[in-house]
Amino acid sequence: MTNSRFITANVLTKNFFILLLSGTFKESLLLLWGQTVIAALANLIKNAVYARKGDIELMRLIGATNHFISMPSVVEGFIIGLISSAFAFLLELYAYNYIVDEVVSDYGIVTAIPMDSILVYLILGFAVFGILFSMIVSAFTARRYMKG
């Protein structure tokens, strides 16, 4: 019997192949990556909550609220989101420059948008989405594992 709280590899694989067979490859990859990120963040926060179980119990004995107890997990989610969004942006910047240099300049099929014109929007988009997503997943995961 499996616990319905956990996203298992079986669920990820089923969702991926259902979308893959329906002919929407991009959507299936996005779904798989999204579920993988959520599962990885949830497991990371769960392990952090279990590692601080004694501290959490002590905070509860003194009368700390759940919001105060879950705040370190949210801050940890903020830091994870900031680092991962910076990494994703640098990877995207490298891939874009490679594609522009190798493919567009050699074949001239399409014209590339200059990176300077969209750089600020990309940085803000990656940072806001990465930080907010990580903080939301961290908050829900920390509260869920503090109940039990």
C-alpha atoms as a PDB file:
ATOM      1  CA  MET A   1       0.000   0.000   0.000  1.00  0.00           C
ATOM      2  CA  THR A   2       1.468   3.351  -1.012  1.00  0.00           C
ATOM      3  CA  ASN A   3       1.115   6.647   0.756  1.00  0.00           C
ATOM      4  CA  SER A   4      -0.839   9.125  -1.372  1.00  0.00           C
ATOM      5  CA  ARG A   5       1.192  12.056  -0.020  1.00  0.00           C
ATOM      6  CA  PHE A   6       4.305  11.095  -1.912  1.00  0.00           C
ATOM      7  CA  ILE A   7       4.875  11.589  -5.608  1.00  0.00           C
ATOM      8  CA  THR A   8       6.356   8.298  -6.687  1.00  0.00           C
ATOM      9  CA  ALA A   9       8.374   7.501  -9.762  1.00  0.00           C
ATOM     10  CA  ASN A  10       5.466   5.382 -10.963  1.00  0.00           C
ATOM     11  CA  VAL A  11       3.113   8.398 -10.998  1.00  0.00           C
ATOM     12  CA  LEU A  12       5.725  10.521 -12.762  1.00  0.00           C
ATOM     13  CA  THR A  13       6.272   7.864 -15.396  1.00  0.00           C
ATOM     14  CA  LYS A  14       2.528   7.319 -15.963  1.00  0.00           C
ATOM     15  CA  ASN A  15       1.851  11.039 -16.434  1.00  0.00           C
ATOM     16  CA  PHE A  16       4.841  11.386 -18.745  1.00  0.00           C
ATOM     17  CA  PHE A  17       3.850   8.507 -21.001  1.00  0.00           C
ATOM     18  CA  ILE A  18       0.182   9.530 -21.114  1.00  0.00           C
ATOM     19  CA  LEU A  19       1.160  12.950 -22.446  1.00  0.00           C
ATOM     20  CA  LEU A  20       3.867  11.499 -24.649  1.00  0.00           C
ATOM     21  CA  LEU A  21       1.429   9.122 -26.310  1.00  0.00           C
ATOM     22  CA  SER A  22      -1.067  11.928 -26.831  1.00  0.00           C
ATOM     23  CA  GLY A  23       1.487  13.674 -29.035  1.00  0.00           C
ATOM     24  CA  THR A  24       2.358  16.636 -26.827  1.00  0.00           C
ATOM     25  CA  PHE A  25       6.028  16.085 -26.191  1.00  0.00           C
ATOM     26  CA  LYS A  26       6.818  19.580 -24.870  1.00  0.00           C
ATOM     27  CA  GLU A  27       3.985  19.468 -22.380  1.00  0.00           C
ATOM     28  CA  SER A  28       5.005  16.007 -21.218  1.00  0.00           C
ATOM     29  CA  LEU A  29       8.564  17.166 -20.588  1.00  0.00           C
ATOM     30  CA  LEU A  30       7.326  20.225 -18.707  1.00  0.00           C
ATOM     31  CA  LEU A  31       5.034  18.094 -16.577  1.00  0.00           C
ATOM     32  CA  LEU A  32       7.793  15.610 -15.829  1.00  0.00           C
ATOM     33  CA  TRP A  33      10.274  18.338 -14.921  1.00  0.00           C
ATOM     34  CA  GLY A  34       7.714  20.161 -12.807  1.00  0.00           C
ATOM     35  CA  GLN A  35       6.755  17.047 -10.878  1.00  0.00           C
ATOM     36  CA  THR A  36      10.400  16.130 -10.426  1.00  0.00           C
ATOM     37  CA  VAL A  37      11.200  19.566  -9.020  1.00  0.00           C
ATOM     38  CA  ILE A  38       8.236  19.438  -6.647  1.00  0.00           C
ATOM     39  CA  ALA A  39       9.188  15.942  -5.478  1.00  0.00           C
ATOM     40  CA  ALA A  40      12.836  16.909  -4.968  1.00  0.00           C
ATOM     41  CA  LEU A  41      11.961  20.062  -3.030  1.00  0.00           C
ATOM     42  CA  ALA A  42       9.380  18.236  -0.933  1.00  0.00           C
ATOM     43  CA  ASN A  43      11.879  15.517  -0.030  1.00  0.00           C
ATOM     44  CA  LEU A  44      14.565  18.096   0.740  1.00  0.00           C
ATOM     45  CA  ILE A  45      12.293  20.020   3.097  1.00  0.00           C
ATOM     46  CA  LYS A  46      10.966  16.802   4.649  1.00  0.00           C
ATOM     47  CA  ASN A  47      14.507  15.719   5.446  1.00  0.00           C
ATOM     48  CA  ALA A  48      15.300  19.152   6.889  1.00  0.00           C
ATOM     49  CA  VAL A  49      12.191  19.008   9.096  1.00  0.00           C
ATOM     50  CA  TYR A  50      13.093  15.513  10.307  1.00  0.00           C
ATOM     51  CA  ALA A  51      16.668  16.627  11.008  1.00  0.00           C
ATOM     52  CA  ARG A  52      15.342  19.492  13.141  1.00  0.00           C
ATOM     53  CA  LYS A  53      12.696  17.369  14.841  1.00  0.00           C
ATOM     54  CA  GLY A  54      14.159  17.961  18.299  1.00  0.00           C
ATOM     55  CA  ASP A  55      14.313  21.711  17.763  1.00  0.00           C
ATOM     56  CA  ILE A  56      10.739  21.738  16.466  1.00  0.00           C
ATOM     57  CA  GLU A  57       9.546  19.782  19.500  1.00  0.00           C
ATOM     58  CA  LEU A  58      11.330  22.196  21.812  1.00  0.00           C
ATOM     59  CA  MET A  59       9.757  25.182  20.026  1.00  0.00           C
ATOM     60  CA  ARG A  60       6.322  23.602  20.396  1.00  0.00           C
ATOM     61  CA  LEU A  61       6.905  23.080  24.132  1.00  0.00           C
ATOM     62  CA  ILE A  62       7.728  26.747  24.587  1.00  0.00           C
ATOM     63  CA  GLY A  63       4.597  27.722  22.661  1.00  0.00           C
ATOM     64  CA  ALA A  64       5.881  28.718  19.223  1.00  0.00           C
ATOM     65  CA  THR A  65       3.309  28.952  16.456  1.00  0.00           C
ATOM     66  CA  ASN A  66       3.436  26.785  13.349  1.00  0.00           C
ATOM     67  CA  HIS A  67       4.231  29.893  11.310  1.00  0.00           C
ATOM     68  CA  PHE A  68       7.291  30.618  13.430  1.00  0.00           C
ATOM     69  CA  ILE A  69       8.410  26.993  13.295  1.00  0.00           C
ATOM     70  CA  SER A  70       8.036  26.729   9.499  1.00  0.00           C
ATOM     71  CA  MET A  71       9.843  30.015   8.793  1.00  0.00           C
ATOM     72  CA  PRO A  72      13.362  28.425   8.580  1.00  0.00           C
ATOM     73  CA  SER A  73      12.040  26.063   5.891  1.00  0.00           C
ATOM     74  CA  VAL A  74      10.616  28.992   3.924  1.00  0.00           C
ATOM     75  CA  VAL A  75      13.937  30.849   4.182  1.00  0.00           C
ATOM     76  CA  GLU A  76      15.688  27.668   3.053  1.00  0.00           C
ATOM     77  CA  GLY A  77      13.266  27.535   0.103  1.00  0.00           C
ATOM     78  CA  PHE A  78      14.129  31.157  -0.716  1.00  0.00           C
ATOM     79  CA  ILE A  79      17.846  30.366  -0.812  1.00  0.00           C
ATOM     80  CA  ILE A  80      17.298  27.205  -2.868  1.00  0.00           C
ATOM     81  CA  GLY A  81      15.087  29.127  -5.293  1.00  0.00           C
ATOM     82  CA  LEU A  82      17.619  31.933  -5.649  1.00  0.00           C
ATOM     83  CA  ILE A  83      20.519  29.577  -6.342  1.00  0.00           C
ATOM     84  CA  SER A  84      18.542  27.336  -8.692  1.00  0.00           C
ATOM     85  CA  SER A  85      17.113  30.273 -10.649  1.00  0.00           C
ATOM     86  CA  ALA A  86      20.600  31.732 -11.065  1.00  0.00           C
ATOM     87  CA  PHE A  87      21.863  28.358 -12.282  1.00  0.00           C
ATOM     88  CA  ALA A  88      18.916  27.967 -14.672  1.00  0.00           C
ATOM     89  CA  PHE A  89      19.418  31.482 -16.047  1.00  0.00           C
ATOM     90  CA  LEU A  90      23.130  30.905 -16.672  1.00  0.00           C
ATOM     91  CA  LEU A  91      22.370  27.587 -18.372  1.00  0.00           C
ATOM     92  CA  GLU A  92      19.732  29.250 -20.553  1.00  0.00           C
ATOM     93  CA  LEU A  93      22.085  32.124 -21.399  1.00  0.00           C
ATOM     94  CA  TYR A  94      24.816  29.684 -22.433  1.00  0.00           C
ATOM     95  CA  ALA A  95      22.380  27.639 -24.542  1.00  0.00           C
ATOM     96  CA  TYR A  96      20.963  30.748 -26.213  1.00  0.00           C
ATOM     97  CA  ASN A  97      24.404  32.111 -27.079  1.00  0.00           C
ATOM     98  CA  TYR A  98      25.458  28.714 -28.406  1.00  0.00           C
ATOM     99  CA  ILE A  99      22.364  28.437 -30.600  1.00  0.00           C
ATOM    100  CA  VAL A 100      22.778  31.983 -31.894  1.00  0.00           C
ATOM    101  CA  ASP A 101      26.473  31.508 -32.629  1.00  0.00           C
ATOM    102  CA  GLU A 102      26.315  28.032 -34.139  1.00  0.00           C
ATOM    103  CA  VAL A 103      22.913  27.690 -35.760  1.00  0.00           C
ATOM    104  CA  VAL A 104      21.537  31.126 -36.566  1.00  0.00           C
ATOM    105  CA  SER A 105      24.779  32.675 -37.757  1.00  0.00           C
ATOM    106  CA  ASP A 106      25.702  29.638 -39.884  1.00  0.00           C
ATOM    107  CA  TYR A 107      22.351  28.977 -41.500  1.00  0.00           C
ATOM    108  CA  GLY A 108      20.621  32.349 -41.240  1.00  0.00           C
ATOM    109  CA  ILE A 109      17.170  30.770 -41.149  1.00  0.00           C
ATOM    110  CA  VAL A 110      15.802  33.057 -38.438  1.00  0.00           C
ATOM    111  CA  THR A 111      16.937  36.268 -36.865  1.00  0.00           C
ATOM    112  CA  ALA A 112      17.793  36.124 -33.190  1.00  0.00           C
ATOM    113  CA  ILE A 113      16.554  38.605 -30.632  1.00  0.00           C
ATOM    114  CA  PRO A 114      19.515  40.405 -29.080  1.00  0.00           C
ATOM    115  CA  MET A 115      20.018  39.177 -25.542  1.00  0.00           C
ATOM    116  CA  ASP A 116      20.646  42.724 -24.301  1.00  0.00           C
ATOM    117  CA  SER A 117      17.041  43.723 -24.997  1.00  0.00           C
ATOM    118  CA  ILE A 118      15.489  40.930 -22.907  1.00  0.00           C
ATOM    119  CA  LEU A 119      18.196  40.294 -20.309  1.00  0.00           C
ATOM    120  CA  VAL A 120      16.526  42.206 -17.461  1.00  0.00           C
ATOM    121  CA  TYR A 121      13.164  40.517 -18.074  1.00  0.00           C
ATOM    122  CA  LEU A 122      14.775  37.080 -18.132  1.00  0.00           C
ATOM    123  CA  ILE A 123      16.663  37.674 -14.899  1.00  0.00           C
ATOM    124  CA  LEU A 124      13.538  38.955 -13.160  1.00  0.00           C
ATOM    125  CA  GLY A 125      11.402  36.140 -14.540  1.00  0.00           C
ATOM    126  CA  PHE A 126      13.800  33.413 -13.488  1.00  0.00           C
ATOM    127  CA  ALA A 127      14.357  34.950 -10.054  1.00  0.00           C
ATOM    128  CA  VAL A 128      10.704  35.634  -9.253  1.00  0.00           C
ATOM    129  CA  PHE A 129       9.430  32.287 -10.498  1.00  0.00           C
ATOM    130  CA  GLY A 130      12.242  30.266  -8.897  1.00  0.00           C
ATOM    131  CA  ILE A 131      12.052  31.995  -5.532  1.00  0.00           C
ATOM    132  CA  LEU A 132       8.263  32.035  -5.263  1.00  0.00           C
ATOM    133  CA  PHE A 133       7.889  28.440  -6.425  1.00  0.00           C
ATOM    134  CA  SER A 134      10.505  27.189  -3.959  1.00  0.00           C
ATOM    135  CA  MET A 135       9.085  29.196  -1.063  1.00  0.00           C
ATOM    136  CA  ILE A 136       5.513  27.998  -1.705  1.00  0.00           C
ATOM    137  CA  VAL A 137       6.555  24.345  -1.959  1.00  0.00           C
ATOM    138  CA  SER A 138       8.701  24.721   1.168  1.00  0.00           C
ATOM    139  CA  ALA A 139       5.879  26.295   3.173  1.00  0.00           C
ATOM    140  CA  PHE A 140       3.321  23.634   2.231  1.00  0.00           C
ATOM    141  CA  THR A 141       5.766  20.789   2.755  1.00  0.00           C
ATOM    142  CA  ALA A 142       6.974  22.054   6.129  1.00  0.00           C
ATOM    143  CA  ARG A 143       3.437  22.526   7.418  1.00  0.00           C
ATOM    144  CA  ARG A 144       2.366  19.126   6.158  1.00  0.00           C
ATOM    145  CA  TYR A 145       5.243  17.293   7.856  1.00  0.00           C
ATOM    146  CA  MET A 146       4.943  19.253  11.104  1.00  0.00           C
ATOM    147  CA  LYS A 147       1.381  18.001  11.596  1.00  0.00           C
ATOM    148  CA  GLY A 148       2.438  14.389  11.803  1.00  0.00           C
END
